[in-house]
């Protein structure tokens, strides 16, 4: 004997929008360009927060370190190909 299809809406089909939410003045895609740019988030270890208290100091340190890392990559690539 087959079960009858349930007439109740499934949880994923139910409208869960609350009445106090008002999107009537919303603009579609207003933040799409910013979202498209993407972001990278790095969590700073609490033990080094005294050295890197904000994003600016982290970025300055990484910019200073980047040429050294790039040079190391070039050296290791040359060693592999030899």
Protein backbone atom coordinates (compact mmCIF):
# COMPACT_ATOMS: atom_id res chain seq x y z
CA UNK A 1 0.00 0.00 0.00
CA UNK A 2 1.45 3.34 -1.06
CA UNK A 3 1.57 6.31 1.27
CA UNK A 4 -0.27 9.43 0.20
CA UNK A 5 1.87 12.42 -0.65
CA UNK A 6 2.02 14.84 2.23
CA UNK A 7 0.16 18.07 1.60
CA UNK A 8 2.23 19.97 4.15
CA UNK A 9 5.07 22.01 2.75
CA UNK A 10 8.50 20.68 3.48
CA UNK A 11 10.76 22.69 5.77
CA UNK A 12 12.87 23.95 2.86
CA UNK A 13 9.74 25.13 1.00
CA UNK A 14 8.19 26.98 3.91
CA UNK A 15 8.33 30.79 3.96
CA UNK A 16 10.50 31.73 6.94
CA UNK A 17 10.62 35.48 6.27
CA UNK A 18 9.63 37.41 9.36
CA UNK A 19 7.07 40.21 9.04
CA UNK A 20 9.47 42.79 10.52
CA UNK A 21 11.94 42.31 7.65
CA UNK A 22 11.34 45.00 5.05
CA UNK A 23 13.28 44.81 1.81
CA UNK A 24 10.94 47.05 -0.16
CA UNK A 25 13.66 49.73 -0.53
CA UNK A 26 16.47 47.24 -1.17
CA UNK A 27 18.67 47.56 -4.24
CA UNK A 28 19.66 44.36 -5.99
CA UNK A 29 23.38 43.90 -6.59
CA UNK A 30 24.54 47.03 -4.77
CA UNK A 31 27.41 45.14 -3.08
CA UNK A 32 28.09 42.67 -5.89
CA UNK A 33 31.15 44.52 -7.22
CA UNK A 34 32.75 44.67 -3.78
CA UNK A 35 31.98 40.99 -3.19
CA UNK A 36 33.42 40.11 -6.58
CA UNK A 37 36.78 41.64 -5.59
CA UNK A 38 37.07 39.03 -2.86
CA UNK A 39 38.77 39.18 0.47
CA UNK A 40 41.45 37.19 2.23
CA UNK A 41 41.24 36.82 5.95
CA UNK A 42 44.16 35.74 8.09
CA UNK A 43 43.83 35.13 11.80
CA UNK A 44 46.78 36.53 13.73
CA UNK A 45 48.06 34.35 16.55
CA UNK A 46 47.55 36.06 19.93
CA UNK A 47 51.24 35.59 20.75
CA UNK A 48 52.30 38.00 17.98
CA UNK A 49 49.60 40.64 18.43
CA UNK A 50 52.11 42.90 20.18
CA UNK A 51 54.14 42.97 16.95
CA UNK A 52 51.19 43.02 14.50
CA UNK A 53 48.38 44.94 16.21
CA UNK A 54 46.47 45.77 13.00
CA UNK A 55 46.15 44.93 9.32
CA UNK A 56 48.44 47.76 8.23
CA UNK A 57 51.45 46.42 10.17
CA UNK A 58 50.80 42.90 8.90
CA UNK A 59 50.67 44.15 5.31
CA UNK A 60 53.86 46.19 5.70
CA UNK A 61 55.70 43.17 7.11
CA UNK A 62 54.43 40.90 4.34
CA UNK A 63 55.42 43.40 1.66
CA UNK A 64 58.92 43.55 3.11
CA UNK A 65 59.11 39.74 3.25
CA UNK A 66 57.61 39.08 -0.18
CA UNK A 67 60.82 39.70 -2.22
CA UNK A 68 62.72 37.20 -0.05
CA UNK A 69 60.02 34.55 -0.53
CA UNK A 70 59.90 35.19 -4.28
CA UNK A 71 63.68 34.82 -4.50
CA UNK A 72 63.56 31.56 -2.54
CA UNK A 73 60.93 30.23 -4.95
CA UNK A 74 63.14 31.05 -7.92
CA UNK A 75 66.12 29.31 -6.30
CA UNK A 76 64.15 26.18 -5.42
CA UNK A 77 62.64 26.02 -8.93
CA UNK A 78 66.10 26.22 -10.50
CA UNK A 79 67.34 23.39 -8.27
CA UNK A 80 64.47 21.12 -9.30
CA UNK A 81 65.00 21.71 -13.01
CA UNK A 82 68.77 21.11 -12.82
